[in-house]
Amino acid sequence: MTDSTFPPQTITRGLFVGLIALIMPVSAYAQQSHPHTVRTTKFTIENVDESTSFYEDLIGMIEIDRFEADGSLIEPFMAFGDDGKRIGLLAFNEHESLKKSSHPVSIVVVPSLDNIVRRFNDANYPITTYTGAVSAGFGASEAGGVNTAIVHDPSGNGIELIETGGRATVAGARLIVSDRKMAEDFFVRIFDVTPGERIQTGTYDEVVLDFGEGMFIALFEPKDEPPLPKSEHPTVAIYSTKADEVLERLKAEDVEVQEFGGFMFLAKDPSGNVIEIVRQRMP
């Protein structure tokens, strides 16, 4: 195990996130059937005002919280309400210059796409819609497809919008992986999570991992895009009541881990995606 390749800014940010986790109310961690809960999908942005306006004005989300760290980081949390599922927008003073994947990295479900598409068109902002598309995690292959749209925020992060007729929420984090099977085996071993729907086409191979009441994690291996350099910042936050067991499994496999004061740690999946694991307090 080594922690030498996590850059200082990532380490600093992890400490801040851990401190937030410590002061969150116990009620936030109340009863759940699964020991691991996916609460936040994360990605880096360049301009806070521009990005929050995108999510508020065009997608219809609200900023439910914001964390600021001594001029080094601003992280607005975007959501549709208080259901505990959110998007964390990581705005560091030192921006990454990495190329973003063309594929969506977060999945949002909405009752209807009509108003959203209208807002994008009125703003002359690009949006691509698909009728009867197949999207993993929603039984779309059995239901004959769902209506979806794909947009990219001002920093190039792709968001998939899925019309379900139900309550709007952040449904899942999509991790871009270089080998779907290797990534799936890793998450099954480390988190004892159950693989769900899998869709394989000529352009991608995707499987959805069921984490219970929280968001799901979709592992997406593109066939039409070469592996891109990975961010050194977290892509997803998982709150766990069995963090000690997770940590032991990671160490047993000699996975790179960075620990922070006993309350959270970072690890990388086989494709290099940074996973944030927060120790969840029992009520």
C-alpha atoms as a PDB file:
ATOM      1  CA  MET A   1       0.000   0.000   0.000  1.00  0.00           C
ATOM      2  CA  THR A   2       1.204   3.468  -0.820  1.00  0.00           C
ATOM      3  CA  ASP A   3      -0.167   6.973  -0.509  1.00  0.00           C
ATOM      4  CA  SER A   4       2.625   8.756  -2.318  1.00  0.00           C
ATOM      5  CA  THR A   5       0.758   9.544  -5.529  1.00  0.00           C
ATOM      6  CA  PHE A   6      -2.144  11.452  -4.005  1.00  0.00           C
ATOM      7  CA  PRO A   7      -1.303  15.139  -4.572  1.00  0.00           C
ATOM      8  CA  PRO A   8      -1.317  17.607  -1.654  1.00  0.00           C
ATOM      9  CA  GLN A   9      -4.470  19.379  -2.822  1.00  0.00           C
ATOM     10  CA  THR A  10      -6.368  16.086  -2.831  1.00  0.00           C
ATOM     11  CA  ILE A  11      -5.133  15.275   0.664  1.00  0.00           C
ATOM     12  CA  THR A  12      -6.151  18.697   1.942  1.00  0.00           C
ATOM     13  CA  ARG A  13      -9.572  18.386   0.424  1.00  0.00           C
ATOM     14  CA  GLY A  14     -10.069  14.979   1.963  1.00  0.00           C
ATOM     15  CA  LEU A  15      -9.404  16.408   5.404  1.00  0.00           C
ATOM     16  CA  PHE A  16     -12.022  19.086   4.858  1.00  0.00           C
ATOM     17  CA  VAL A  17     -14.590  16.586   3.643  1.00  0.00           C
ATOM     18  CA  GLY A  18     -13.900  14.375   6.641  1.00  0.00           C
ATOM     19  CA  LEU A  19     -14.456  17.265   9.019  1.00  0.00           C
ATOM     20  CA  ILE A  20     -17.813  17.933   7.398  1.00  0.00           C
ATOM     21  CA  ALA A  21     -18.749  14.273   7.832  1.00  0.00           C
ATOM     22  CA  LEU A  22     -17.940  14.438  11.525  1.00  0.00           C
ATOM     23  CA  ILE A  23     -20.243  17.351  12.233  1.00  0.00           C
ATOM     24  CA  MET A  24     -23.204  16.165  10.169  1.00  0.00           C
ATOM     25  CA  PRO A  25     -26.213  15.228  12.324  1.00  0.00           C
ATOM     26  CA  VAL A  26     -26.736  11.590  13.237  1.00  0.00           C
ATOM     27  CA  SER A  27     -30.176  11.720  11.619  1.00  0.00           C
ATOM     28  CA  ALA A  28     -28.423  12.015   8.257  1.00  0.00           C
ATOM     29  CA  TYR A  29     -27.173   8.472   8.757  1.00  0.00           C
ATOM     30  CA  ALA A  30     -30.390   6.987  10.027  1.00  0.00           C
ATOM     31  CA  GLN A  31     -31.619   3.509   9.308  1.00  0.00           C
ATOM     32  CA  GLN A  32     -30.597   1.867   6.106  1.00  0.00           C
ATOM     33  CA  SER A  33     -30.548  -1.747   5.022  1.00  0.00           C
ATOM     34  CA  HIS A  34     -27.259  -1.592   3.121  1.00  0.00           C
ATOM     35  CA  PRO A  35     -24.011  -0.852   4.987  1.00  0.00           C
ATOM     36  CA  HIS A  36     -22.741   1.382   2.175  1.00  0.00           C
ATOM     37  CA  THR A  37     -24.700   4.358   0.839  1.00  0.00           C
ATOM     38  CA  VAL A  38     -23.717   6.410  -2.202  1.00  0.00           C
ATOM     39  CA  ARG A  39     -24.591  10.021  -1.352  1.00  0.00           C
ATOM     40  CA  THR A  40     -22.664  12.248  -3.756  1.00  0.00           C
ATOM     41  CA  THR A  41     -21.395  12.095  -7.290  1.00  0.00           C
ATOM     42  CA  LYS A  42     -18.498  14.505  -7.815  1.00  0.00           C
ATOM     43  CA  PHE A  43     -16.494  16.160 -10.558  1.00  0.00           C
ATOM     44  CA  THR A  44     -14.348  19.236 -11.045  1.00  0.00           C
ATOM     45  CA  ILE A  45     -15.574  22.529 -12.464  1.00  0.00           C
ATOM     46  CA  GLU A  46     -13.852  25.765 -13.459  1.00  0.00           C
ATOM     47  CA  ASN A  47     -16.311  28.554 -12.657  1.00  0.00           C
ATOM     48  CA  VAL A  48     -18.691  28.315  -9.690  1.00  0.00           C
ATOM     49  CA  ASP A  49     -21.241  30.941 -10.768  1.00  0.00           C
ATOM     50  CA  GLU A  50     -21.429  29.656 -14.322  1.00  0.00           C
ATOM     51  CA  SER A  51     -21.792  26.051 -13.189  1.00  0.00           C
ATOM     52  CA  THR A  52     -24.401  26.633 -10.489  1.00  0.00           C
ATOM     53  CA  SER A  53     -26.457  28.721 -12.919  1.00  0.00           C
ATOM     54  CA  PHE A  54     -26.362  25.834 -15.398  1.00  0.00           C
ATOM     55  CA  TYR A  55     -27.718  23.352 -12.870  1.00  0.00           C
ATOM     56  CA  GLU A  56     -30.269  25.758 -11.421  1.00  0.00           C
ATOM     57  CA  ASP A  57     -31.564  27.587 -14.476  1.00  0.00           C
ATOM     58  CA  LEU A  58     -31.451  24.797 -17.046  1.00  0.00           C
ATOM     59  CA  ILE A  59     -31.787  21.506 -15.170  1.00  0.00           C
ATOM     60  CA  GLY A  60     -33.913  22.850 -12.311  1.00  0.00           C
ATOM     61  CA  MET A  61     -31.772  21.874  -9.330  1.00  0.00           C
ATOM     62  CA  ILE A  62     -31.060  23.999  -6.250  1.00  0.00           C
ATOM     63  CA  GLU A  63     -27.894  24.611  -4.265  1.00  0.00           C
ATOM     64  CA  ILE A  64     -28.602  22.932  -0.918  1.00  0.00           C
ATOM     65  CA  ASP A  65     -25.213  23.532   0.688  1.00  0.00           C
ATOM     66  CA  ARG A  66     -21.747  24.890   0.001  1.00  0.00           C
ATOM     67  CA  PHE A  67     -18.327  24.234   1.451  1.00  0.00           C
ATOM     68  CA  GLU A  68     -15.424  26.684   1.182  1.00  0.00           C
ATOM     69  CA  ALA A  69     -11.849  26.022   2.280  1.00  0.00           C
ATOM     70  CA  ASP A  70      -9.451  28.927   2.821  1.00  0.00           C
ATOM     71  CA  GLY A  71      -9.531  30.139  -0.747  1.00  0.00           C
ATOM     72  CA  SER A  72      -8.438  26.757  -2.138  1.00  0.00           C
ATOM     73  CA  LEU A  73     -11.793  25.094  -2.771  1.00  0.00           C
ATOM     74  CA  ILE A  74     -15.434  25.993  -3.254  1.00  0.00           C
ATOM     75  CA  GLU A  75     -17.816  23.047  -3.431  1.00  0.00           C
ATOM     76  CA  PRO A  76     -21.495  23.783  -4.080  1.00  0.00           C
ATOM     77  CA  PHE A  77     -23.826  20.808  -3.573  1.00  0.00           C
ATOM     78  CA  MET A  78     -26.628  20.631  -6.114  1.00  0.00           C
ATOM     79  CA  ALA A  79     -29.800  18.595  -5.589  1.00  0.00           C
ATOM     80  CA  PHE A  80     -33.551  18.537  -6.170  1.00  0.00           C
ATOM     81  CA  GLY A  81     -34.418  18.533  -2.482  1.00  0.00           C
ATOM     82  CA  ASP A  82     -33.512  16.921   0.816  1.00  0.00           C
ATOM     83  CA  ASP A  83     -33.441  13.239  -0.185  1.00  0.00           C
ATOM     84  CA  GLY A  84     -29.682  13.011   0.474  1.00  0.00           C
ATOM     85  CA  LYS A  85     -28.675  12.528  -3.168  1.00  0.00           C
ATOM     86  CA  ARG A  86     -26.580  15.307  -4.661  1.00  0.00           C
ATOM     87  CA  ILE A  87     -23.883  16.466  -7.041  1.00  0.00           C
ATOM     88  CA  GLY A  88     -20.722  17.986  -5.597  1.00  0.00           C
ATOM     89  CA  LEU A  89     -19.066  20.584  -7.854  1.00  0.00           C
ATOM     90  CA  LEU A  90     -15.357  20.749  -7.029  1.00  0.00           C
ATOM     91  CA  ALA A  91     -13.942  24.173  -7.852  1.00  0.00           C
ATOM     92  CA  PHE A  92     -10.265  24.240  -6.885  1.00  0.00           C
ATOM     93  CA  ASN A  93      -8.077  27.304  -7.308  1.00  0.00           C
ATOM     94  CA  GLU A  94      -5.680  25.113  -9.253  1.00  0.00           C
ATOM     95  CA  HIS A  95      -7.779  23.784 -12.100  1.00  0.00           C
ATOM     96  CA  GLU A  96      -7.087  20.430 -13.682  1.00  0.00           C
ATOM     97  CA  SER A  97      -6.337  20.555 -17.376  1.00  0.00           C
ATOM     98  CA  LEU A  98      -7.520  17.012 -18.085  1.00  0.00           C
ATOM     99  CA  LYS A  99      -9.691  16.183 -21.065  1.00  0.00           C
ATOM    100  CA  LYS A 100     -13.217  15.263 -19.956  1.00  0.00           C
ATOM    101  CA  SER A 101     -14.930  12.123 -21.176  1.00  0.00           C
ATOM    102  CA  SER A 102     -17.578  12.657 -23.830  1.00  0.00           C
ATOM    103  CA  HIS A 103     -19.823  10.255 -21.902  1.00  0.00           C
ATOM    104  CA  PRO A 104     -22.075  11.279 -18.982  1.00  0.00           C
ATOM    105  CA  VAL A 105     -20.548  10.947 -15.510  1.00  0.00           C
ATOM    106  CA  SER A 106     -23.763  11.463 -13.534  1.00  0.00           C
ATOM    107  CA  ILE A 107     -27.317  10.238 -13.983  1.00  0.00           C
ATOM    108  CA  VAL A 108     -30.322  12.383 -13.092  1.00  0.00           C
ATOM    109  CA  VAL A 109     -33.953  11.305 -13.308  1.00  0.00           C
ATOM    110  CA  VAL A 110     -36.807  13.756 -13.887  1.00  0.00           C
ATOM    111  CA  PRO A 111     -40.606  13.450 -14.210  1.00  0.00           C
ATOM    112  CA  SER A 112     -40.565  14.921 -17.712  1.00  0.00           C
ATOM    113  CA  LEU A 113     -37.953  16.185 -20.128  1.00  0.00           C
ATOM    114  CA  ASP A 114     -40.253  18.643 -21.904  1.00  0.00           C
ATOM    115  CA  ASN A 115     -39.599  21.713 -19.756  1.00  0.00           C
ATOM    116  CA  ILE A 116     -35.886  20.993 -19.496  1.00  0.00           C
ATOM    117  CA  VAL A 117     -35.498  20.624 -23.249  1.00  0.00           C
ATOM    118  CA  ARG A 118     -37.460  23.831 -23.732  1.00  0.00           C
ATOM    119  CA  ARG A 119     -35.176  25.742 -21.337  1.00  0.00           C
ATOM    120  CA  PHE A 120     -32.054  24.476 -23.114  1.00  0.00           C
ATOM    121  CA  ASN A 121     -33.463  25.385 -26.505  1.00  0.00           C
ATOM    122  CA  ASP A 122     -34.525  28.842 -25.297  1.00  0.00           C
ATOM    123  CA  ALA A 123     -31.003  29.408 -23.948  1.00  0.00           C
ATOM    124  CA  ASN A 124     -29.518  28.121 -27.206  1.00  0.00           C
ATOM    125  CA  TYR A 125     -27.540  25.592 -25.133  1.00  0.00           C
ATOM    126  CA  PRO A 126     -26.794  22.200 -26.755  1.00  0.00           C
ATOM    127  CA  ILE A 127     -28.901  19.224 -25.639  1.00  0.00           C
ATOM    128  CA  THR A 128     -29.235  15.857 -27.374  1.00  0.00           C
ATOM    129  CA  THR A 129     -32.429  13.864 -26.872  1.00  0.00           C
ATOM    130  CA  TYR A 130     -33.118  10.173 -27.451  1.00  0.00           C
ATOM    131  CA  THR A 131     -36.523   8.507 -27.661  1.00  0.00           C
ATOM    132  CA  GLY A 132     -36.819   4.939 -26.417  1.00  0.00           C
ATOM    133  CA  ALA A 133     -33.161   4.731 -25.450  1.00  0.00           C
ATOM    134  CA  VAL A 134     -31.682   1.859 -23.461  1.00  0.00           C
ATOM    135  CA  SER A 135     -30.149   3.008 -20.187  1.00  0.00           C
ATOM    136  CA  ALA A 136     -28.837   0.647 -17.524  1.00  0.00           C
ATOM    137  CA  GLY A 137     -30.487   0.726 -14.118  1.00  0.00           C
ATOM    138  CA  PHE A 138     -34.064   1.475 -15.138  1.00  0.00           C
ATOM    139  CA  GLY A 139     -35.222  -1.757 -16.706  1.00  0.00           C
ATOM    140  CA  ALA A 140     -35.139   0.060 -20.020  1.00  0.00           C
ATOM    141  CA  SER A 141     -34.200  -3.033 -21.979  1.00  0.00           C
ATOM    142  CA  GLU A 142     -37.369  -4.803 -20.755  1.00  0.00           C
ATOM    143  CA  ALA A 143     -39.586  -1.715 -20.971  1.00  0.00           C
ATOM    144  CA  GLY A 144     -38.669  -0.954 -24.551  1.00  0.00           C
ATOM    145  CA  GLY A 145     -36.482   2.009 -23.692  1.00  0.00           C
ATOM    146  CA  VAL A 146     -36.833   5.361 -21.960  1.00  0.00           C
ATOM    147  CA  ASN A 147     -36.650   8.964 -23.099  1.00  0.00           C
ATOM    148  CA  THR A 148     -33.286  10.470 -22.264  1.00  0.00           C
ATOM    149  CA  ALA A 149     -31.185  13.550 -22.929  1.00  0.00           C
ATOM    150  CA  ILE A 150     -27.475  14.208 -22.622  1.00  0.00           C
ATOM    151  CA  VAL A 151     -26.000  17.600 -21.800  1.00  0.00           C
ATOM    152  CA  HIS A 152     -22.550  18.848 -20.849  1.00  0.00           C
ATOM    153  CA  ASP A 153     -22.072  21.487 -18.185  1.00  0.00           C
ATOM    154  CA  PRO A 154     -19.824  24.529 -18.789  1.00  0.00           C
ATOM    155  CA  SER A 155     -16.781  22.530 -17.615  1.00  0.00           C
ATOM    156  CA  GLY A 156     -17.503  19.639 -19.969  1.00  0.00           C
ATOM    157  CA  ASN A 157     -18.991  17.174 -17.466  1.00  0.00           C
ATOM    158  CA  GLY A 158     -21.645  15.045 -19.124  1.00  0.00           C
ATOM    159  CA  ILE A 159     -25.029  14.588 -17.436  1.00  0.00           C
ATOM    160  CA  GLU A 160     -27.586  12.005 -18.535  1.00  0.00           C
ATOM    161  CA  LEU A 161     -31.198  13.039 -17.906  1.00  0.00           C
ATOM    162  CA  ILE A 162     -33.750  10.216 -17.820  1.00  0.00           C
ATOM    163  CA  GLU A 163     -37.508  10.698 -17.945  1.00  0.00           C
ATOM    164  CA  THR A 164     -39.179   8.382 -15.423  1.00  0.00           C
ATOM    165  CA  GLY A 165     -42.431  10.100 -14.474  1.00  0.00           C
ATOM    166  CA  GLY A 166     -41.384  10.024 -10.815  1.00  0.00           C
ATOM    167  CA  ARG A 167     -39.687  12.444  -8.456  1.00  0.00           C
ATOM    168  CA  ALA A 168     -36.628  14.289  -9.729  1.00  0.00           C
ATOM    169  CA  THR A 169     -33.412  13.143  -8.059  1.00  0.00           C
ATOM    170  CA  VAL A 170     -29.738  12.422  -8.616  1.00  0.00           C
ATOM    171  CA  ALA A 171     -29.953   8.696  -9.328  1.00  0.00           C
ATOM    172  CA  GLY A 172     -26.413   7.544  -9.899  1.00  0.00           C
ATOM    173  CA  ALA A 173     -22.722   8.141 -10.333  1.00  0.00           C
ATOM    174  CA  ARG A 174     -21.222   6.826 -13.548  1.00  0.00           C
ATOM    175  CA  LEU A 175     -17.546   5.897 -13.375  1.00  0.00           C
ATOM    176  CA  ILE A 176     -15.706   5.669 -16.674  1.00  0.00           C
ATOM    177  CA  VAL A 177     -13.592   2.503 -16.494  1.00  0.00           C
ATOM    178  CA  SER A 178     -11.059   0.887 -18.762  1.00  0.00           C
ATOM    179  CA  ASP A 179     -12.213  -2.679 -18.035  1.00  0.00           C
ATOM    180  CA  ARG A 180     -15.804  -3.240 -16.936  1.00  0.00           C
ATOM    181  CA  LYS A 181     -15.265  -6.750 -15.567  1.00  0.00           C
ATOM    182  CA  MET A 182     -12.153  -5.801 -13.618  1.00  0.00           C
ATOM    183  CA  ALA A 183     -13.930  -2.796 -12.111  1.00  0.00           C
ATOM    184  CA  GLU A 184     -17.053  -4.807 -11.295  1.00  0.00           C
ATOM    185  CA  ASP A 185     -15.039  -7.556  -9.585  1.00  0.00           C
ATOM    186  CA  PHE A 186     -13.235  -4.905  -7.528  1.00  0.00           C
ATOM    187  CA  PHE A 187     -16.438  -3.303  -6.216  1.00  0.00           C
ATOM    188  CA  VAL A 188     -18.012  -6.695  -5.494  1.00  0.00           C
ATOM    189  CA  ARG A 189     -14.966  -7.815  -3.497  1.00  0.00           C
ATOM    190  CA  ILE A 190     -14.436  -4.546  -1.615  1.00  0.00           C
ATOM    191  CA  PHE A 191     -18.028  -3.483  -0.943  1.00  0.00           C
ATOM    192  CA  ASP A 192     -19.866  -6.830  -1.212  1.00  0.00           C
ATOM    193  CA  VAL A 193     -22.273  -5.087  -3.548  1.00  0.00           C
ATOM    194  CA  THR A 194     -24.691  -6.770  -5.955  1.00  0.00           C
ATOM    195  CA  PRO A 195     -24.371  -6.225  -9.725  1.00  0.00           C
ATOM    196  CA  GLY A 196     -27.650  -5.360 -11.376  1.00  0.00           C
ATOM    197  CA  GLU A 197     -28.652  -4.674 -14.961  1.00  0.00           C
ATOM    198  CA  ARG A 198     -25.907  -4.903 -17.541  1.00  0.00           C
ATOM    199  CA  ILE A 199     -26.067  -3.525 -21.062  1.00  0.00           C
ATOM    200  CA  GLN A 200     -23.504  -4.297 -23.724  1.00  0.00           C
ATOM    201  CA  THR A 201     -23.504  -2.682 -27.163  1.00  0.00           C
ATOM    202  CA  GLY A 202     -20.983  -2.056 -29.885  1.00  0.00           C
ATOM    203  CA  THR A 203     -19.986   1.239 -28.255  1.00  0.00           C
ATOM    204  CA  TYR A 204     -20.050   0.485 -24.527  1.00  0.00           C
ATOM    205  CA  ASP A 205     -20.260  -2.117 -21.757  1.00  0.00           C
ATOM    206  CA  GLU A 206     -22.068  -0.978 -18.591  1.00  0.00           C
ATOM    207  CA  VAL A 207     -23.202  -2.575 -15.347  1.00  0.00           C
ATOM    208  CA  VAL A 208     -25.150  -1.013 -12.471  1.00  0.00           C
ATOM    209  CA  LEU A 209     -24.184  -1.758  -8.857  1.00  0.00           C
ATOM    210  CA  ASP A 210     -27.004  -1.639  -6.292  1.00  0.00           C
ATOM    211  CA  PHE A 211     -26.051   0.193  -3.080  1.00  0.00           C
ATOM    212  CA  GLY A 212     -29.503   0.104  -1.508  1.00  0.00           C
ATOM    213  CA  GLU A 213     -31.312   3.317  -0.562  1.00  0.00           C
ATOM    214  CA  GLY A 214     -28.692   5.689  -1.940  1.00  0.00           C
ATOM    215  CA  MET A 215     -27.597   6.285  -5.482  1.00  0.00           C
ATOM    216  CA  PHE A 216     -26.308   3.464  -7.633  1.00  0.00           C
ATOM    217  CA  ILE A 217     -22.870   3.331  -9.223  1.00  0.00           C
ATOM    218  CA  ALA A 218     -22.713   2.550 -12.925  1.00  0.00           C
ATOM    219  CA  LEU A 219     -19.441   1.209 -14.302  1.00  0.00           C
ATOM    220  CA  PHE A 220     -19.145   2.305 -17.916  1.00  0.00           C
ATOM    221  CA  GLU A 221     -16.495   1.004 -20.311  1.00  0.00           C
ATOM    222  CA  PRO A 222     -16.620   2.985 -23.572  1.00  0.00           C
ATOM    223  CA  LYS A 223     -15.617   1.223 -26.767  1.00  0.00           C
ATOM    224  CA  ASP A 224     -15.469   4.418 -28.816  1.00  0.00           C
ATOM    225  CA  GLU A 225     -13.139   6.439 -26.591  1.00  0.00           C
ATOM    226  CA  PRO A 226      -9.562   5.636 -25.521  1.00  0.00           C
ATOM    227  CA  PRO A 227      -8.748   5.666 -21.776  1.00  0.00           C
ATOM    228  CA  LEU A 228      -8.247   9.239 -20.585  1.00  0.00           C
ATOM    229  CA  PRO A 229      -6.075  10.524 -17.711  1.00  0.00           C
ATOM    230  CA  LYS A 230      -7.969  10.378 -14.417  1.00  0.00           C
ATOM    231  CA  SER A 231      -8.667  13.192 -11.994  1.00  0.00           C
ATOM    232  CA  GLU A 232      -6.855  13.048  -8.663  1.00  0.00           C
ATOM    233  CA  HIS A 233     -10.059  14.231  -6.971  1.00  0.00           C
ATOM    234  CA  PRO A 234     -12.990  12.041  -5.827  1.00  0.00           C
ATOM    235  CA  THR A 235     -15.619  10.941  -8.309  1.00  0.00           C
ATOM    236  CA  VAL A 236     -18.062   9.548  -5.750  1.00  0.00           C
ATOM    237  CA  ALA A 237     -18.611   9.593  -1.982  1.00  0.00           C
ATOM    238  CA  ILE A 238     -19.694   6.389  -0.238  1.00  0.00           C
ATOM    239  CA  TYR A 239     -20.797   6.500   3.409  1.00  0.00           C
ATOM    240  CA  SER A 240     -20.198   3.190   5.163  1.00  0.00           C
ATOM    241  CA  THR A 241     -21.046   1.613   8.509  1.00  0.00           C
ATOM    242  CA  LYS A 242     -18.486  -1.078   7.679  1.00  0.00           C
ATOM    243  CA  ALA A 243     -15.626   1.193   6.674  1.00  0.00           C
ATOM    244  CA  ASP A 244     -13.133  -0.810   8.749  1.00  0.00           C
ATOM    245  CA  GLU A 245     -13.904  -3.940   6.751  1.00  0.00           C
ATOM    246  CA  VAL A 246     -13.618  -2.004   3.497  1.00  0.00           C
ATOM    247  CA  LEU A 247     -10.257  -0.605   4.571  1.00  0.00           C
ATOM    248  CA  GLU A 248      -8.969  -4.057   5.515  1.00  0.00           C
ATOM    249  CA  ARG A 249      -9.963  -5.464   2.135  1.00  0.00           C
ATOM    250  CA  LEU A 250      -8.269  -2.620   0.309  1.00  0.00           C
ATOM    251  CA  LYS A 251      -5.063  -3.068   2.274  1.00  0.00           C
ATOM    252  CA  ALA A 252      -5.152  -6.834   1.762  1.00  0.00           C
ATOM    253  CA  GLU A 253      -5.187  -6.231  -1.989  1.00  0.00           C
ATOM    254  CA  ASP A 254      -2.420  -3.630  -1.727  1.00  0.00           C
ATOM    255  CA  VAL A 255      -4.721  -0.949  -3.118  1.00  0.00           C
ATOM    256  CA  GLU A 256      -3.486   2.620  -2.844  1.00  0.00           C
ATOM    257  CA  VAL A 257      -5.164   4.256   0.157  1.00  0.00           C
ATOM    258  CA  GLN A 258      -4.906   7.640   1.875  1.00  0.00           C
ATOM    259  CA  GLU A 259      -6.384   7.817   5.386  1.00  0.00           C
ATOM    260  CA  PHE A 260      -7.547  10.925   7.226  1.00  0.00           C
ATOM    261  CA  GLY A 261      -7.849  10.945  11.002  1.00  0.00           C
ATOM    262  CA  GLY A 262      -9.929   7.794  11.228  1.00  0.00           C
ATOM    263  CA  PHE A 263     -13.040   9.367   9.739  1.00  0.00           C
ATOM    264  CA  MET A 264     -12.526   8.914   5.995  1.00  0.00           C
ATOM    265  CA  PHE A 265     -10.133   7.609   3.382  1.00  0.00           C
ATOM    266  CA  LEU A 266      -9.540   7.730  -0.351  1.00  0.00           C
ATOM    267  CA  ALA A 267      -8.787   4.789  -2.622  1.00  0.00           C
ATOM    268  CA  LYS A 268      -8.501   4.231  -6.348  1.00  0.00           C
ATOM    269  CA  ASP A 269     -10.400   1.639  -8.334  1.00  0.00           C
ATOM    270  CA  PRO A 270      -8.513  -0.411 -10.983  1.00  0.00           C
ATOM    271  CA  SER A 271      -9.129   2.310 -13.581  1.00  0.00           C
ATOM    272  CA  GLY A 272      -7.776   5.091 -11.345  1.00  0.00           C
ATOM    273  CA  ASN A 273     -11.096   6.654 -10.281  1.00  0.00           C
ATOM    274  CA  VAL A 274     -10.738   8.127  -6.781  1.00  0.00           C
ATOM    275  CA  ILE A 275     -13.362   6.787  -4.366  1.00  0.00           C
ATOM    276  CA  GLU A 276     -14.114   8.647  -1.120  1.00  0.00           C
ATOM    277  CA  ILE A 277     -15.218   6.397   1.766  1.00  0.00           C
ATOM    278  CA  VAL A 278     -16.653   8.178   4.808  1.00  0.00           C
ATOM    279  CA  ARG A 279     -17.119   6.379   8.122  1.00  0.00           C
ATOM    280  CA  GLN A 280     -20.810   6.519   8.891  1.00  0.00           C
ATOM    281  CA  ARG A 281     -21.901   6.845  12.491  1.00  0.00           C
ATOM    282  CA  MET A 282     -24.693   4.609  13.695  1.00  0.00           C
ATOM    283  CA  PRO A 283     -27.761   6.301  15.184  1.00  0.00           C
END
